[in-house]
Amino acid sequence: MLNIDETLWKEAVRLSGIGEKTAVVRAGLEALVARESARRLAAQGGSEPGIRGIRRRRSPPVVPVYLLVDTSVGGPFPAGRRCTQQIT
């Protein structure tokens, strides 16, 4: 048998909408465990000193490609024409 404050009990039932006594007590205990677990994690500063580095997926680096064109000499593409050849 549990000795529970009647006012606190009624407030818990009203706020939770749970009508069954066992379910109200269970929900209260689950909320207490969740709150204290979060409090302990926060007290650790959100860190785990002994943990190994976490591998992350990263995109491969983008390597810029530059095409230098000497416009001082005539080439196979006279001024005003576009190059349609694919450079490999």
C-alpha atoms as a PDB file:
ATOM      1  CA  MET A   1       0.000   0.000   0.000  1.00  0.00           C
ATOM      2  CA  LEU A   2       1.288   3.450  -0.926  1.00  0.00           C
ATOM      3  CA  ASN A   3       0.628   6.605   1.035  1.00  0.00           C
ATOM      4  CA  ILE A   4       0.130   9.313  -1.631  1.00  0.00           C
ATOM      5  CA  ASP A   5      -1.009  12.890  -1.052  1.00  0.00           C
ATOM      6  CA  GLU A   6      -4.588  13.085  -2.387  1.00  0.00           C
ATOM      7  CA  THR A   7      -4.107  16.584  -3.867  1.00  0.00           C
ATOM      8  CA  LEU A   8      -0.941  15.520  -5.689  1.00  0.00           C
ATOM      9  CA  TRP A   9      -2.686  12.375  -6.938  1.00  0.00           C
ATOM     10  CA  LYS A  10      -5.655  14.295  -8.352  1.00  0.00           C
ATOM     11  CA  GLU A  11      -3.320  16.771 -10.054  1.00  0.00           C
ATOM     12  CA  ALA A  12      -1.306  13.934 -11.630  1.00  0.00           C
ATOM     13  CA  VAL A  13      -4.471  12.269 -12.939  1.00  0.00           C
ATOM     14  CA  ARG A  14      -5.830  15.582 -14.248  1.00  0.00           C
ATOM     15  CA  LEU A  15      -2.612  16.549 -16.039  1.00  0.00           C
ATOM     16  CA  SER A  16      -1.831  13.117 -17.474  1.00  0.00           C
ATOM     17  CA  GLY A  17      -5.338  12.059 -18.384  1.00  0.00           C
ATOM     18  CA  ILE A  18      -4.485   8.573 -17.117  1.00  0.00           C
ATOM     19  CA  GLY A  19      -7.296   7.008 -15.113  1.00  0.00           C
ATOM     20  CA  GLU A  20      -5.775   3.719 -13.967  1.00  0.00           C
ATOM     21  CA  LYS A  21      -3.825   3.950 -10.694  1.00  0.00           C
ATOM     22  CA  THR A  22      -1.040   1.573 -11.714  1.00  0.00           C
ATOM     23  CA  ALA A  23      -0.531   3.430 -15.001  1.00  0.00           C
ATOM     24  CA  VAL A  24      -0.289   6.786 -13.193  1.00  0.00           C
ATOM     25  CA  VAL A  25       2.356   5.451 -10.798  1.00  0.00           C
ATOM     26  CA  ARG A  26       4.285   3.840 -13.680  1.00  0.00           C
ATOM     27  CA  ALA A  27       4.209   7.071 -15.737  1.00  0.00           C
ATOM     28  CA  GLY A  28       5.424   9.027 -12.714  1.00  0.00           C
ATOM     29  CA  LEU A  29       8.322   6.649 -12.139  1.00  0.00           C
ATOM     30  CA  GLU A  30       9.275   6.736 -15.834  1.00  0.00           C
ATOM     31  CA  ALA A  31       9.245  10.549 -15.781  1.00  0.00           C
ATOM     32  CA  LEU A  32      11.420  10.579 -12.658  1.00  0.00           C
ATOM     33  CA  VAL A  33      13.956   8.182 -14.206  1.00  0.00           C
ATOM     34  CA  ALA A  34      14.082  10.210 -17.440  1.00  0.00           C
ATOM     35  CA  ARG A  35      14.583  13.481 -15.569  1.00  0.00           C
ATOM     36  CA  GLU A  36      17.354  12.132 -13.346  1.00  0.00           C
ATOM     37  CA  SER A  37      19.105  10.453 -16.295  1.00  0.00           C
ATOM     38  CA  ALA A  38      19.086  13.766 -18.173  1.00  0.00           C
ATOM     39  CA  ARG A  39      20.376  15.557 -15.093  1.00  0.00           C
ATOM     40  CA  ARG A  40      23.292  13.116 -14.756  1.00  0.00           C
ATOM     41  CA  LEU A  41      24.178  13.438 -18.424  1.00  0.00           C
ATOM     42  CA  ALA A  42      24.134  17.237 -18.149  1.00  0.00           C
ATOM     43  CA  ALA A  43      26.399  17.038 -15.084  1.00  0.00           C
ATOM     44  CA  GLN A  44      28.976  15.180 -17.191  1.00  0.00           C
ATOM     45  CA  GLY A  45      29.054  18.122 -19.562  1.00  0.00           C
ATOM     46  CA  GLY A  46      27.853  15.954 -22.408  1.00  0.00           C
ATOM     47  CA  SER A  47      31.259  14.313 -22.760  1.00  0.00           C
ATOM     48  CA  GLU A  48      32.682  10.841 -22.512  1.00  0.00           C
ATOM     49  CA  PRO A  49      36.407  11.081 -21.707  1.00  0.00           C
ATOM     50  CA  GLY A  50      37.375   7.545 -22.773  1.00  0.00           C
ATOM     51  CA  ILE A  51      35.505   7.425 -26.071  1.00  0.00           C
ATOM     52  CA  ARG A  52      37.334   6.879 -29.373  1.00  0.00           C
ATOM     53  CA  GLY A  53      37.001   9.335 -32.231  1.00  0.00           C
ATOM     54  CA  ILE A  54      33.742   9.007 -34.117  1.00  0.00           C
ATOM     55  CA  ARG A  55      34.001   8.321 -37.844  1.00  0.00           C
ATOM     56  CA  ARG A  56      31.868  10.640 -39.890  1.00  0.00           C
ATOM     57  CA  ARG A  57      30.841  10.516 -43.493  1.00  0.00           C
ATOM     58  CA  ARG A  58      32.376  13.371 -45.364  1.00  0.00           C
ATOM     59  CA  SER A  59      32.116  14.339 -48.996  1.00  0.00           C
ATOM     60  CA  PRO A  60      35.368  14.082 -50.918  1.00  0.00           C
ATOM     61  CA  PRO A  61      37.122  17.432 -51.210  1.00  0.00           C
ATOM     62  CA  VAL A  62      36.351  19.457 -54.313  1.00  0.00           C
ATOM     63  CA  VAL A  63      39.469  20.052 -56.378  1.00  0.00           C
ATOM     64  CA  PRO A  64      39.179  23.145 -58.560  1.00  0.00           C
ATOM     65  CA  VAL A  65      40.199  22.727 -62.192  1.00  0.00           C
ATOM     66  CA  TYR A  66      41.618  25.676 -64.084  1.00  0.00           C
ATOM     67  CA  LEU A  67      41.958  25.986 -67.839  1.00  0.00           C
ATOM     68  CA  LEU A  68      44.512  28.520 -68.999  1.00  0.00           C
ATOM     69  CA  VAL A  69      44.057  29.876 -72.495  1.00  0.00           C
ATOM     70  CA  ASP A  70      46.669  31.948 -74.295  1.00  0.00           C
ATOM     71  CA  THR A  71      44.628  34.397 -76.363  1.00  0.00           C
ATOM     72  CA  SER A  72      47.671  36.238 -77.697  1.00  0.00           C
ATOM     73  CA  VAL A  73      48.220  33.687 -80.449  1.00  0.00           C
ATOM     74  CA  GLY A  74      45.830  32.260 -82.991  1.00  0.00           C
ATOM     75  CA  GLY A  75      44.759  28.759 -82.221  1.00  0.00           C
ATOM     76  CA  PRO A  76      42.418  26.197 -83.630  1.00  0.00           C
ATOM     77  CA  PHE A  77      39.494  28.269 -82.296  1.00  0.00           C
ATOM     78  CA  PRO A  78      39.483  31.790 -83.731  1.00  0.00           C
ATOM     79  CA  ALA A  79      37.886  34.552 -81.696  1.00  0.00           C
ATOM     80  CA  GLY A  80      34.111  34.367 -81.632  1.00  0.00           C
ATOM     81  CA  ARG A  81      33.881  30.576 -81.936  1.00  0.00           C
ATOM     82  CA  ARG A  82      33.155  28.252 -79.058  1.00  0.00           C
ATOM     83  CA  CYS A  83      35.169  25.188 -78.242  1.00  0.00           C
ATOM     84  CA  THR A  84      32.981  22.122 -78.590  1.00  0.00           C
ATOM     85  CA  GLN A  85      35.708  19.577 -77.924  1.00  0.00           C
ATOM     86  CA  GLN A  86      35.670  17.782 -74.606  1.00  0.00           C
ATOM     87  CA  ILE A  87      38.876  18.157 -72.639  1.00  0.00           C
ATOM     88  CA  THR A  88      39.987  14.973 -70.919  1.00  0.00           C
END
